[in-house]
Amino acid sequence: MKKITKKSIIMDVLKEYPETFDIFIDHGVACIGCHAAEFETIEQGIGMHGIDVDKFVELLNEKIAIGKKK
């Protein structure tokens, strides 16, 4: 996975980039325990919580970019 998008599967993101877990938790989204995270996209899952999906994806990509710089 190179860049996280709205179409990325939630669990794929969490497995590939565990450092993004805190962003999900900080937004009140505990996807790690939800079986739907295995097939739901970020757009579907995060959108359900009333969160700005584009901003959320931006935060995820910023987080993984920071990790790559280290």
C-alpha atoms as a PDB file:
ATOM      1  CA  MET A   1       0.000   0.000   0.000  1.00  0.00           C
ATOM      2  CA  LYS A   2       1.548   3.292  -1.032  1.00  0.00           C
ATOM      3  CA  LYS A   3      -0.970   5.962  -0.168  1.00  0.00           C
ATOM      4  CA  ILE A   4      -4.099   5.651   1.888  1.00  0.00           C
ATOM      5  CA  THR A   5      -7.281   6.672   0.072  1.00  0.00           C
ATOM      6  CA  LYS A   6     -10.990   6.755   0.866  1.00  0.00           C
ATOM      7  CA  LYS A   7     -11.232   3.402  -0.900  1.00  0.00           C
ATOM      8  CA  SER A   8      -8.603   1.732   1.307  1.00  0.00           C
ATOM      9  CA  ILE A   9      -9.905  -1.098   3.477  1.00  0.00           C
ATOM     10  CA  ILE A  10      -9.737  -0.125   7.146  1.00  0.00           C
ATOM     11  CA  MET A  11      -8.070  -3.316   8.381  1.00  0.00           C
ATOM     12  CA  ASP A  12      -5.538  -3.235   5.529  1.00  0.00           C
ATOM     13  CA  VAL A  13      -4.513   0.247   6.666  1.00  0.00           C
ATOM     14  CA  LEU A  14      -4.237  -0.819  10.304  1.00  0.00           C
ATOM     15  CA  LYS A  15      -2.192  -3.911   9.430  1.00  0.00           C
ATOM     16  CA  GLU A  16       0.151  -2.088   7.058  1.00  0.00           C
ATOM     17  CA  TYR A  17       0.457   1.059   9.174  1.00  0.00           C
ATOM     18  CA  PRO A  18      -0.186   0.225  12.845  1.00  0.00           C
ATOM     19  CA  GLU A  19       1.017   3.710  13.737  1.00  0.00           C
ATOM     20  CA  THR A  20      -2.307   5.039  12.391  1.00  0.00           C
ATOM     21  CA  PHE A  21      -4.265   3.249  15.127  1.00  0.00           C
ATOM     22  CA  ASP A  22      -4.154   6.289  17.425  1.00  0.00           C
ATOM     23  CA  ILE A  23      -5.833   8.437  14.752  1.00  0.00           C
ATOM     24  CA  PHE A  24      -8.777   6.049  14.668  1.00  0.00           C
ATOM     25  CA  ILE A  25      -8.958   6.014  18.484  1.00  0.00           C
ATOM     26  CA  ASP A  26      -8.571   9.808  18.772  1.00  0.00           C
ATOM     27  CA  HIS A  27     -11.637  10.146  16.529  1.00  0.00           C
ATOM     28  CA  GLY A  28     -13.687   7.697  18.587  1.00  0.00           C
ATOM     29  CA  VAL A  29     -13.479   4.930  15.976  1.00  0.00           C
ATOM     30  CA  ALA A  30     -12.524   1.561  17.457  1.00  0.00           C
ATOM     31  CA  CYS A  31     -12.344  -0.288  14.130  1.00  0.00           C
ATOM     32  CA  ILE A  32      -9.822  -2.855  15.273  1.00  0.00           C
ATOM     33  CA  GLY A  33     -12.569  -4.771  17.108  1.00  0.00           C
ATOM     34  CA  CYS A  34     -15.157  -4.566  14.350  1.00  0.00           C
ATOM     35  CA  HIS A  35     -15.492  -7.453  11.881  1.00  0.00           C
ATOM     36  CA  ALA A  36     -16.714  -4.987   9.223  1.00  0.00           C
ATOM     37  CA  ALA A  37     -13.234  -3.413   9.190  1.00  0.00           C
ATOM     38  CA  GLU A  38     -12.088  -6.439   7.182  1.00  0.00           C
ATOM     39  CA  PHE A  39     -14.121  -5.307   4.153  1.00  0.00           C
ATOM     40  CA  GLU A  40     -15.240  -1.731   4.823  1.00  0.00           C
ATOM     41  CA  THR A  41     -13.482   1.173   3.165  1.00  0.00           C
ATOM     42  CA  ILE A  42     -12.412   4.218   5.112  1.00  0.00           C
ATOM     43  CA  GLU A  43     -15.095   6.163   3.293  1.00  0.00           C
ATOM     44  CA  GLN A  44     -17.794   3.746   4.464  1.00  0.00           C
ATOM     45  CA  GLY A  45     -16.601   3.248   8.030  1.00  0.00           C
ATOM     46  CA  ILE A  46     -15.441   6.730   8.899  1.00  0.00           C
ATOM     47  CA  GLY A  47     -18.323   8.386   7.077  1.00  0.00           C
ATOM     48  CA  MET A  48     -20.732   6.481   9.337  1.00  0.00           C
ATOM     49  CA  HIS A  49     -19.257   8.285  12.313  1.00  0.00           C
ATOM     50  CA  GLY A  50     -19.906  11.736  10.844  1.00  0.00           C
ATOM     51  CA  ILE A  51     -16.204  12.450  10.413  1.00  0.00           C
ATOM     52  CA  ASP A  52     -14.833  14.415   7.463  1.00  0.00           C
ATOM     53  CA  VAL A  53     -13.424  11.531   5.413  1.00  0.00           C
ATOM     54  CA  ASP A  54     -11.067  13.658   3.319  1.00  0.00           C
ATOM     55  CA  LYS A  55      -9.516  15.243   6.411  1.00  0.00           C
ATOM     56  CA  PHE A  56      -9.253  11.830   8.094  1.00  0.00           C
ATOM     57  CA  VAL A  57      -7.416  10.363   5.082  1.00  0.00           C
ATOM     58  CA  GLU A  58      -5.133  13.396   5.080  1.00  0.00           C
ATOM     59  CA  LEU A  59      -4.276  12.770   8.754  1.00  0.00           C
ATOM     60  CA  LEU A  60      -3.535   9.103   8.049  1.00  0.00           C
ATOM     61  CA  ASN A  61      -1.207   9.960   5.173  1.00  0.00           C
ATOM     62  CA  GLU A  62       0.555  12.627   7.235  1.00  0.00           C
ATOM     63  CA  LYS A  63       1.134  10.037   9.961  1.00  0.00           C
ATOM     64  CA  ILE A  64       2.679   7.492   7.600  1.00  0.00           C
ATOM     65  CA  ALA A  65       4.777  10.192   5.917  1.00  0.00           C
ATOM     66  CA  ILE A  66       6.281  11.103   9.298  1.00  0.00           C
ATOM     67  CA  GLY A  67       7.150   7.441   9.866  1.00  0.00           C
ATOM     68  CA  LYS A  68       8.925   7.219   6.512  1.00  0.00           C
ATOM     69  CA  LYS A  69      11.118  10.222   7.317  1.00  0.00           C
ATOM     70  CA  LYS A  70      12.542   8.588  10.453  1.00  0.00           C
END
